[in-house]
């Protein structure tokens, strides 16, 4: 499976150059020219890494990163023509995984991307109370005991994880399942899958701790 990159950059020529190069290197690349477009794309698709330019037409990469950090578990590399200590330190202090100054060689960027992905995959264990989600090994554990999940159940948990702390509509869940696996499921089938997941991960499925129903809006994973 190809690693998916979100490239946020306001220089159209650079977008085309980097997208072409990264695709030749085996990555799947989606692009945005500003904060608003990037956030809309993130609502519809999961990514393995994001490349954020600092200077954007509708804000800056730092503020976009702060918004992303609240809802998505995605490693980030900042791209910037501002090669100075202040911007480098600011980006890294915010929690970014790397910072590369323009102009850079595309080959150097690919190396940075691969190194960042390797580090993030090694530490891709999310712990929420007595639940552990091991993204690297595609496992979910409860009290350190592996839970037997179907492929689709696991993918649903990943979708919830990527939107942790945010209400997710049923339509969005159905769309993201299709984006992840190409499977089309019906609304009533989604209800069955969520019921099964709750039975496996919740201490009390009738009063869920992790996957909560928000009446009229969707679900909230906490």
Foldseek 3Di string as FASTA:
>chain_A
DAAEEEEAAQPPVVVVVLCVVVVVVRHHYDYHQDLVVSVVVLLQEDGQAYEAEQDGPVHGRLVSVVVQVVFFDHAYEYEYQPPDPVVQVSCVVSPHPYYDYPPDDSVVVVVSVVVSSVVCLVVQWDDDPQWIQNPNVLFIDGVNHTFDDDPLLSQLVVSLNRGAQHFRALVSSQSHSCVVPVDHDDSVVVVVSVLVSLVGHAPDSVDGDAWAADPPGHTHGD
